[in-house]
PDB file of N, CA and C in Angstrom:
ATOM      1  N   MET A   1       5.349 -30.298  26.125  1.00  0.00           N
ATOM      2  CA  MET A   1       4.157 -30.069  26.050  1.00  0.00           C
ATOM      3  C   MET A   1       3.253 -28.611  26.758  1.00  0.00           C
ATOM      4  N   LYS A   2       2.693 -28.076  25.365  1.00  0.00           N
ATOM      5  CA  LYS A   2       2.555 -25.983  25.593  1.00  0.00           C
ATOM      6  C   LYS A   2       0.779 -26.374  27.041  1.00  0.00           C
ATOM      7  N   SER A   3       1.486 -25.496  28.063  1.00  0.00           N
ATOM      8  CA  SER A   3       0.587 -25.231  29.322  1.00  0.00           C
ATOM      9  C   SER A   3      -1.083 -24.473  28.144  1.00  0.00           C
ATOM     10  N   ARG A   4      -2.510 -24.497  28.399  1.00  0.00           N
ATOM     11  CA  ARG A   4      -2.822 -23.420  27.233  1.00  0.00           C
ATOM     12  C   ARG A   4      -2.964 -22.006  27.279  1.00  0.00           C
ATOM     13  N   GLY A   5      -3.524 -21.911  26.564  1.00  0.00           N
ATOM     14  CA  GLY A   5      -3.157 -20.176  26.597  1.00  0.00           C
ATOM     15  C   GLY A   5      -2.035 -19.506  26.520  1.00  0.00           C
ATOM     16  N   SER A   6      -0.076 -20.648  26.276  1.00  0.00           N
ATOM     17  CA  SER A   6       1.017 -19.696  26.422  1.00  0.00           C
ATOM     18  C   SER A   6       0.711 -19.469  25.273  1.00  0.00           C
ATOM     19  N   GLY A   7       0.071 -19.792  24.144  1.00  0.00           N
ATOM     20  CA  GLY A   7       0.202 -18.660  23.093  1.00  0.00           C
ATOM     21  C   GLY A   7       1.969 -19.544  21.605  1.00  0.00           C
ATOM     22  N   ASN A   8       2.161 -19.439  21.192  1.00  0.00           N
ATOM     23  CA  ASN A   8       3.251 -19.213  20.118  1.00  0.00           C
ATOM     24  C   ASN A   8       3.358 -17.978  19.430  1.00  0.00           C
ATOM     25  N   TYR A   9       4.132 -16.383  20.279  1.00  0.00           N
ATOM     26  CA  TYR A   9       4.461 -15.894  19.766  1.00  0.00           C
ATOM     27  C   TYR A   9       5.724 -15.480  18.462  1.00  0.00           C
ATOM     28  N   ALA A  10       5.748 -16.739  18.301  1.00  0.00           N
ATOM     29  CA  ALA A  10       6.990 -16.620  17.251  1.00  0.00           C
ATOM     30  C   ALA A  10       6.105 -16.839  16.300  1.00  0.00           C
ATOM     31  N   GLY A  11       5.628 -17.627  16.048  1.00  0.00           N
ATOM     32  CA  GLY A  11       4.835 -18.413  15.472  1.00  0.00           C
ATOM     33  C   GLY A  11       3.566 -17.423  14.525  1.00  0.00           C
ATOM     34  N   VAL A  12       3.077 -16.329  15.179  1.00  0.00           N
ATOM     35  CA  VAL A  12       2.608 -15.502  15.035  1.00  0.00           C
ATOM     36  C   VAL A  12       3.040 -14.390  15.088  1.00  0.00           C
ATOM     37  N   ALA A  13       4.334 -13.547  14.761  1.00  0.00           N
ATOM     38  CA  ALA A  13       5.335 -12.676  14.589  1.00  0.00           C
ATOM     39  C   ALA A  13       5.564 -13.493  12.970  1.00  0.00           C
ATOM     40  N   THR A  14       6.450 -14.567  12.378  1.00  0.00           N
ATOM     41  CA  THR A  14       6.316 -14.465  11.425  1.00  0.00           C
ATOM     42  C   THR A  14       5.636 -15.143  11.245  1.00  0.00           C
ATOM     43  N   THR A  15       4.597 -15.430  10.836  1.00  0.00           N
ATOM     44  CA  THR A  15       2.905 -15.043  10.178  1.00  0.00           C
ATOM     45  C   THR A  15       2.983 -14.451   9.322  1.00  0.00           C
ATOM     46  N   THR A  16       2.630 -13.014  10.205  1.00  0.00           N
ATOM     47  CA  THR A  16       2.341 -11.267   9.943  1.00  0.00           C
ATOM     48  C   THR A  16       2.989 -10.602   9.984  1.00  0.00           C
ATOM     49  N   GLY A  17       4.822 -11.339   9.632  1.00  0.00           N
ATOM     50  CA  GLY A  17       5.642 -10.504   8.561  1.00  0.00           C
ATOM     51  C   GLY A  17       6.017 -11.484   7.712  1.00  0.00           C
ATOM     52  N   ARG A  18       5.108 -12.467   7.353  1.00  0.00           N
ATOM     53  CA  ARG A  18       5.313 -13.064   5.721  1.00  0.00           C
ATOM     54  C   ARG A  18       3.880 -12.235   4.933  1.00  0.00           C
ATOM     55  N   GLY A  19       3.075 -12.269   5.485  1.00  0.00           N
ATOM     56  CA  GLY A  19       1.652 -11.813   5.090  1.00  0.00           C
ATOM     57  C   GLY A  19       2.523 -10.397   4.864  1.00  0.00           C
ATOM     58  N   LEU A  20       2.622  -9.035   5.543  1.00  0.00           N
ATOM     59  CA  LEU A  20       3.504  -8.561   4.973  1.00  0.00           C
ATOM     60  C   LEU A  20       4.490  -8.409   3.951  1.00  0.00           C
ATOM     61  N   LEU A  21       4.430  -9.241   4.336  1.00  0.00           N
ATOM     62  CA  LEU A  21       5.642  -8.510   3.270  1.00  0.00           C
ATOM     63  C   LEU A  21       4.777  -9.705   1.706  1.00  0.00           C
ATOM     64  N   ALA A  22       4.130 -10.290   1.724  1.00  0.00           N
ATOM     65  CA  ALA A  22       3.843 -10.976   0.701  1.00  0.00           C
ATOM     66  C   ALA A  22       2.240  -9.439   0.947  1.00  0.00           C
ATOM     67  N   GLY A  23       2.059  -8.981   1.446  1.00  0.00           N
ATOM     68  CA  GLY A  23       1.052  -7.606   0.883  1.00  0.00           C
ATOM     69  C   GLY A  23       2.297  -6.145   0.158  1.00  0.00           C
ATOM     70  N   VAL A  24       2.968  -6.633   0.621  1.00  0.00           N
ATOM     71  CA  VAL A  24       3.997  -5.483   0.371  1.00  0.00           C
ATOM     72  C   VAL A  24       5.016  -5.198  -1.586  1.00  0.00           C
ATOM     73  N   ALA A  25       4.990  -7.133  -1.572  1.00  0.00           N
ATOM     74  CA  ALA A  25       5.073  -7.858  -3.073  1.00  0.00           C
ATOM     75  C   ALA A  25       4.271  -7.546  -3.792  1.00  0.00           C
ATOM     76  N   GLY A  26       3.376  -7.786  -3.764  1.00  0.00           N
ATOM     77  CA  GLY A  26       1.401  -8.091  -4.142  1.00  0.00           C
ATOM     78  C   GLY A  26       1.717  -6.344  -4.871  1.00  0.00           C
ATOM     79  N   THR A  27       1.513  -5.352  -4.496  1.00  0.00           N
ATOM     80  CA  THR A  27       1.506  -4.419  -4.156  1.00  0.00           C
ATOM     81  C   THR A  27       2.411  -4.277  -5.153  1.00  0.00           C
ATOM     82  N   VAL A  28       3.827  -4.167  -5.637  1.00  0.00           N
ATOM     83  CA  VAL A  28       4.909  -3.696  -6.311  1.00  0.00           C
ATOM     84  C   VAL A  28       4.774  -4.586  -7.575  1.00  0.00           C
ATOM     85  N   VAL A  29       4.083  -5.626  -7.810  1.00  0.00           N
ATOM     86  CA  VAL A  29       4.150  -5.666  -8.782  1.00  0.00           C
ATOM     87  C   VAL A  29       2.958  -5.555  -9.219  1.00  0.00           C
ATOM     88  N   MET A  30       1.894  -5.845  -8.950  1.00  0.00           N
ATOM     89  CA  MET A  30       0.371  -5.064 -10.067  1.00  0.00           C
ATOM     90  C   MET A  30       0.301  -3.042  -9.752  1.00  0.00           C
ATOM     91  N   THR A  31       1.463  -2.598  -9.781  1.00  0.00           N
ATOM     92  CA  THR A  31       2.340  -1.352  -9.593  1.00  0.00           C
ATOM     93  C   THR A  31       3.341  -1.098 -11.225  1.00  0.00           C
ATOM     94  N   ALA A  32       3.654  -2.134 -11.134  1.00  0.00           N
ATOM     95  CA  ALA A  32       4.748  -2.462 -11.891  1.00  0.00           C
ATOM     96  C   ALA A  32       4.185  -2.851 -13.434  1.00  0.00           C
ATOM     97  N   PHE A  33       2.910  -3.707 -12.812  1.00  0.00           N
ATOM     98  CA  PHE A  33       2.176  -4.581 -14.395  1.00  0.00           C
ATOM     99  C   PHE A  33       1.699  -2.767 -15.028  1.00  0.00           C
ATOM    100  N   GLN A  34       0.847  -2.320 -13.857  1.00  0.00           N
ATOM    101  CA  GLN A  34      -0.488  -1.480 -14.453  1.00  0.00           C
ATOM    102  C   GLN A  34       0.980   0.065 -15.335  1.00  0.00           C
ATOM    103  N   LYS A  35       1.505   0.674 -14.564  1.00  0.00           N
ATOM    104  CA  LYS A  35       2.632   1.245 -15.071  1.00  0.00           C
ATOM    105  C   LYS A  35       3.425   1.044 -15.982  1.00  0.00           C
ATOM    106  N   LEU A  36       3.620  -0.603 -16.414  1.00  0.00           N
ATOM    107  CA  LEU A  36       4.938  -0.985 -17.628  1.00  0.00           C
ATOM    108  C   LEU A  36       4.167  -0.801 -19.820  1.00  0.00           C
ATOM    109  N   ILE A  37       2.404  -1.469 -18.674  1.00  0.00           N
ATOM    110  CA  ILE A  37       1.893  -2.809 -19.149  1.00  0.00           C
ATOM    111  C   ILE A  37       0.388  -2.430 -19.152  1.00  0.00           C
ATOM    112  N   ASP A  38      -0.487  -1.894 -18.785  1.00  0.00           N
ATOM    113  CA  ASP A  38      -1.788  -1.782 -18.799  1.00  0.00           C
ATOM    114  C   ASP A  38      -2.279  -0.324 -18.576  1.00  0.00           C
ATOM    115  N   MET A  39      -1.670   1.026 -18.398  1.00  0.00           N
ATOM    116  CA  MET A  39      -1.389   2.342 -19.274  1.00  0.00           C
ATOM    117  C   MET A  39      -0.626   2.550 -20.136  1.00  0.00           C
ATOM    118  N   PRO A  40       0.146   2.069 -20.768  1.00  0.00           N
ATOM    119  CA  PRO A  40       0.563   2.608 -22.093  1.00  0.00           C
ATOM    120  C   PRO A  40      -0.111   1.858 -22.960  1.00  0.00           C
ATOM    121  N   LEU A  41      -0.948   0.880 -22.314  1.00  0.00           N
ATOM    122  CA  LEU A  41      -1.468   0.314 -23.449  1.00  0.00           C
ATOM    123  C   LEU A  41      -2.481   0.890 -24.081  1.00  0.00           C
ATOM    124  N   THR A  42      -3.151   0.941 -22.780  1.00  0.00           N
ATOM    125  CA  THR A  42      -4.885   2.245 -22.285  1.00  0.00           C
ATOM    126  C   THR A  42      -4.522   3.204 -22.669  1.00  0.00           C
ATOM    127  N   GLU A  43      -3.142   3.666 -22.632  1.00  0.00           N
ATOM    128  CA  GLU A  43      -3.396   5.077 -23.238  1.00  0.00           C
ATOM    129  C   GLU A  43      -3.806   5.539 -22.377  1.00  0.00           C
ATOM    130  N   ARG A  44      -3.695   5.578 -20.855  1.00  0.00           N
ATOM    131  CA  ARG A  44      -4.392   6.041 -19.447  1.00  0.00           C
ATOM    132  C   ARG A  44      -2.930   7.491 -18.813  1.00  0.00           C
ATOM    133  N   GLU A  45      -3.486   8.047 -18.100  1.00  0.00           N
ATOM    134  CA  GLU A  45      -3.576   8.852 -17.075  1.00  0.00           C
ATOM    135  C   GLU A  45      -2.667   8.634 -15.488  1.00  0.00           C
ATOM    136  N   ASP A  46      -1.606   8.601 -14.972  1.00  0.00           N
ATOM    137  CA  ASP A  46      -1.634   8.673 -13.475  1.00  0.00           C
ATOM    138  C   ASP A  46      -2.707   8.705 -12.920  1.00  0.00           C
ATOM    139  N   SER A  47      -3.631   8.067 -12.249  1.00  0.00           N
ATOM    140  CA  SER A  47      -4.076   8.260 -11.277  1.00  0.00           C
ATOM    141  C   SER A  47      -3.652   8.977  -9.978  1.00  0.00           C
ATOM    142  N   TYR A  48      -3.811   9.765  -8.993  1.00  0.00           N
ATOM    143  CA  TYR A  48      -3.578  10.817  -7.995  1.00  0.00           C
ATOM    144  C   TYR A  48      -4.845  10.834  -6.624  1.00  0.00           C
ATOM    145  N   ALA A  49      -5.564   9.272  -7.484  1.00  0.00           N
ATOM    146  CA  ALA A  49      -6.775   8.974  -5.796  1.00  0.00           C
ATOM    147  C   ALA A  49      -6.172   9.058  -4.498  1.00  0.00           C
ATOM    148  N   PRO A  50      -5.029   8.184  -4.355  1.00  0.00           N
ATOM    149  CA  PRO A  50      -4.414   7.676  -3.588  1.00  0.00           C
ATOM    150  C   PRO A  50      -3.986   9.695  -3.170  1.00  0.00           C
ATOM    151  N   ALA A  51      -3.564   9.879  -3.520  1.00  0.00           N
ATOM    152  CA  ALA A  51      -3.475  12.008  -3.080  1.00  0.00           C
ATOM    153  C   ALA A  51      -3.993  12.677  -2.976  1.00  0.00           C
ATOM    154  N   ASP A  52      -4.982  12.420  -3.269  1.00  0.00           N
ATOM    155  CA  ASP A  52      -6.159  12.974  -3.143  1.00  0.00           C
ATOM    156  C   ASP A  52      -6.915  12.410  -1.372  1.00  0.00           C
ATOM    157  N   PHE A  53      -6.506  11.544  -1.359  1.00  0.00           N
ATOM    158  CA  PHE A  53      -7.429  10.224  -0.047  1.00  0.00           C
ATOM    159  C   PHE A  53      -6.709  11.722   0.398  1.00  0.00           C
ATOM    160  N   ALA A  54      -5.551  11.384   1.117  1.00  0.00           N
ATOM    161  CA  ALA A  54      -4.549  11.513   1.804  1.00  0.00           C
ATOM    162  C   ALA A  54      -4.415  12.625   2.649  1.00  0.00           C
ATOM    163  N   GLU A  55      -4.780  13.474   1.231  1.00  0.00           N
ATOM    164  CA  GLU A  55      -4.637  15.472   1.599  1.00  0.00           C
ATOM    165  C   GLU A  55      -6.505  15.376   1.541  1.00  0.00           C
ATOM    166  N   ARG A  56      -6.925  14.179   1.537  1.00  0.00           N
ATOM    167  CA  ARG A  56      -8.396  15.565   2.612  1.00  0.00           C
ATOM    168  C   ARG A  56      -8.499  14.863   3.673  1.00  0.00           C
ATOM    169  N   VAL A  57      -7.952  13.397   4.099  1.00  0.00           N
ATOM    170  CA  VAL A  57      -7.660  12.870   5.473  1.00  0.00           C
ATOM    171  C   VAL A  57      -6.111  13.238   5.955  1.00  0.00           C
ATOM    172  N   LEU A  58      -5.417  14.374   5.818  1.00  0.00           N
ATOM    173  CA  LEU A  58      -4.389  14.390   6.674  1.00  0.00           C
ATOM    174  C   LEU A  58      -3.385  16.338   6.678  1.00  0.00           C
ATOM    175  N   PRO A  59      -3.267  16.742   7.395  1.00  0.00           N
ATOM    176  CA  PRO A  59      -3.009  18.568   7.219  1.00  0.00           C
ATOM    177  C   PRO A  59      -1.555  17.925   5.872  1.00  0.00           C
ATOM    178  N   ILE A  60      -1.970  17.585   4.355  1.00  0.00           N
ATOM    179  CA  ILE A  60      -0.564  17.659   3.897  1.00  0.00           C
ATOM    180  C   ILE A  60      -0.412  18.154   2.690  1.00  0.00           C
ATOM    181  N   HIS A  61       0.187  19.260   2.125  1.00  0.00           N
ATOM    182  CA  HIS A  61      -0.379  19.792   0.934  1.00  0.00           C
ATOM    183  C   HIS A  61       0.902  20.043  -0.333  1.00  0.00           C
ATOM    184  N   PRO A  62       1.595  19.391  -0.570  1.00  0.00           N
ATOM    185  CA  PRO A  62       2.577  19.061  -0.938  1.00  0.00           C
ATOM    186  C   PRO A  62       1.946  20.826  -2.619  1.00  0.00           C
ATOM    187  N   ARG A  63       3.661  21.789  -2.599  1.00  0.00           N
ATOM    188  CA  ARG A  63       3.451  22.126  -3.775  1.00  0.00           C
ATOM    189  C   ARG A  63       3.777  21.832  -4.824  1.00  0.00           C
ATOM    190  N   THR A  64       4.584  20.993  -5.033  1.00  0.00           N
ATOM    191  CA  THR A  64       4.820  20.380  -6.749  1.00  0.00           C
ATOM    192  C   THR A  64       4.438  18.720  -7.525  1.00  0.00           C
ATOM    193  N   THR A  65       5.085  19.132  -8.311  1.00  0.00           N
ATOM    194  CA  THR A  65       4.138  17.596  -8.667  1.00  0.00           C
ATOM    195  C   THR A  65       5.285  16.444  -8.443  1.00  0.00           C
ATOM    196  N   ARG A  66       7.053  16.977  -7.566  1.00  0.00           N
ATOM    197  CA  ARG A  66       7.566  15.938  -6.935  1.00  0.00           C
ATOM    198  C   ARG A  66       6.642  15.351  -6.604  1.00  0.00           C
ATOM    199  N   GLY A  67       6.281  16.592  -4.706  1.00  0.00           N
ATOM    200  CA  GLY A  67       6.001  16.273  -3.999  1.00  0.00           C
ATOM    201  C   GLY A  67       4.120  15.574  -3.997  1.00  0.00           C
ATOM    202  N   ARG A  68       4.001  15.328  -4.850  1.00  0.00           N
ATOM    203  CA  ARG A  68       2.614  14.680  -4.672  1.00  0.00           C
ATOM    204  C   ARG A  68       2.779  13.748  -5.354  1.00  0.00           C
ATOM    205  N   THR A  69       3.481  13.515  -6.260  1.00  0.00           N
ATOM    206  CA  THR A  69       3.770  12.085  -6.714  1.00  0.00           C
ATOM    207  C   THR A  69       4.119  11.414  -5.435  1.00  0.00           C
ATOM    208  N   GLY A  70       4.915  12.017  -4.652  1.00  0.00           N
ATOM    209  CA  GLY A  70       5.964  11.498  -3.310  1.00  0.00           C
ATOM    210  C   GLY A  70       4.642  10.881  -2.302  1.00  0.00           C
ATOM    211  N   LEU A  71       3.458  12.270  -2.679  1.00  0.00           N
ATOM    212  CA  LEU A  71       2.847  11.278  -1.664  1.00  0.00           C
ATOM    213  C   LEU A  71       1.095  10.433  -2.428  1.00  0.00           C
ATOM    214  N   ASN A  72       1.813  11.013  -3.052  1.00  0.00           N
ATOM    215  CA  ASN A  72       0.783   9.098  -3.993  1.00  0.00           C
ATOM    216  C   ASN A  72       1.142   7.926  -3.627  1.00  0.00           C
ATOM    217  N   TYR A  73       2.552   7.510  -4.237  1.00  0.00           N
ATOM    218  CA  TYR A  73       3.882   6.412  -3.929  1.00  0.00           C
ATOM    219  C   TYR A  73       2.500   5.960  -2.895  1.00  0.00           C
ATOM    220  N   ALA A  74       2.935   7.222  -1.263  1.00  0.00           N
ATOM    221  CA  ALA A  74       3.297   7.009   0.210  1.00  0.00           C
ATOM    222  C   ALA A  74       2.310   6.214   0.195  1.00  0.00           C
ATOM    223  N   THR A  75       1.081   6.734   0.005  1.00  0.00           N
ATOM    224  CA  THR A  75      -0.340   6.819   0.493  1.00  0.00           C
ATOM    225  C   THR A  75      -0.594   5.482   0.122  1.00  0.00           C
ATOM    226  N   HIS A  76      -0.179   4.500  -1.229  1.00  0.00           N
ATOM    227  CA  HIS A  76      -0.946   3.551  -2.244  1.00  0.00           C
ATOM    228  C   HIS A  76       0.291   2.780  -1.683  1.00  0.00           C
ATOM    229  N   PHE A  77       1.289   3.219  -1.574  1.00  0.00           N
ATOM    230  CA  PHE A  77       1.853   1.438  -0.751  1.00  0.00           C
ATOM    231  C   PHE A  77       1.755   1.953   0.981  1.00  0.00           C
ATOM    232  N   GLY A  78       0.974   2.784   1.404  1.00  0.00           N
ATOM    233  CA  GLY A  78       1.145   2.735   2.556  1.00  0.00           C
ATOM    234  C   GLY A  78      -0.118   2.104   2.950  1.00  0.00           C
ATOM    235  N   ARG A  79      -0.493   1.705   2.149  1.00  0.00           N
ATOM    236  CA  ARG A  79      -2.706   1.225   2.401  1.00  0.00           C
ATOM    237  C   ARG A  79      -2.006  -0.659   2.253  1.00  0.00           C
ATOM    238  N   VAL A  80      -0.712  -0.747   2.483  1.00  0.00           N
ATOM    239  CA  VAL A  80      -0.980  -2.423   2.123  1.00  0.00           C
ATOM    240  C   VAL A  80      -0.699  -3.171   3.714  1.00  0.00           C
ATOM    241  N   GLU A  81      -0.922  -1.890   4.728  1.00  0.00           N
ATOM    242  CA  GLU A  81      -0.347  -2.149   5.209  1.00  0.00           C
ATOM    243  C   GLU A  81      -2.127  -2.151   6.228  1.00  0.00           C
ATOM    244  N   ASP A  82      -3.280  -1.638   5.770  1.00  0.00           N
ATOM    245  CA  ASP A  82      -4.613  -1.313   6.536  1.00  0.00           C
ATOM    246  C   ASP A  82      -4.873  -2.420   6.086  1.00  0.00           C
ATOM    247  N   PRO A  83      -4.975  -3.000   6.663  1.00  0.00           N
ATOM    248  CA  PRO A  83      -6.027  -4.948   6.774  1.00  0.00           C
ATOM    249  C   PRO A  83      -7.593  -4.148   7.133  1.00  0.00           C
ATOM    250  N   GLY A  84      -7.708  -3.332   7.563  1.00  0.00           N
ATOM    251  CA  GLY A  84      -8.810  -3.011   6.734  1.00  0.00           C
ATOM    252  C   GLY A  84      -9.823  -2.118   5.288  1.00  0.00           C
ATOM    253  N   GLY A  85      -8.952  -1.739   4.480  1.00  0.00           N
ATOM    254  CA  GLY A  85      -8.894  -0.849   3.593  1.00  0.00           C
ATOM    255  C   GLY A  85      -9.953  -0.452   3.108  1.00  0.00           C
ATOM    256  N   SER A  86      -9.497   0.346   2.907  1.00  0.00           N
ATOM    257  CA  SER A  86     -10.775   1.402   2.679  1.00  0.00           C
ATOM    258  C   SER A  86     -10.944   1.656   1.243  1.00  0.00           C
ATOM    259  N   GLY A  87     -10.472   0.980   0.721  1.00  0.00           N
ATOM    260  CA  GLY A  87     -10.938   0.903  -0.855  1.00  0.00           C
ATOM    261  C   GLY A  87     -10.968   2.484  -1.899  1.00  0.00           C
ATOM    262  N   VAL A  88     -10.021   2.732  -1.097  1.00  0.00           N
ATOM    263  CA  VAL A  88      -9.812   4.321  -2.419  1.00  0.00           C
ATOM    264  C   VAL A  88      -7.964   4.076  -2.883  1.00  0.00           C
ATOM    265  N   ALA A  89      -7.704   3.612  -1.874  1.00  0.00           N
ATOM    266  CA  ALA A  89      -5.939   3.794  -2.792  1.00  0.00           C
ATOM    267  C   ALA A  89      -5.588   2.684  -3.392  1.00  0.00           C
TER     268      ALA A  89
END
């Protein structure tokens, strides 16, 4: 029998890892759906809101379209790990 307060750190780490993996997987699925189905059907252009946010709060300002697209994806997927969620990306 475990004593009180000893905790189950392996269980917490496993649960946290599963939660992060589920968050990343959900973001990938939602992004793929948006890019491959939603945007072509609605004829919408890419949103650069995540990159706009990153440029406002970080000293990062890409000079090329490719750099801005990379920043957009990095911000979009990096936000998965933000449990509070700023609601921007």
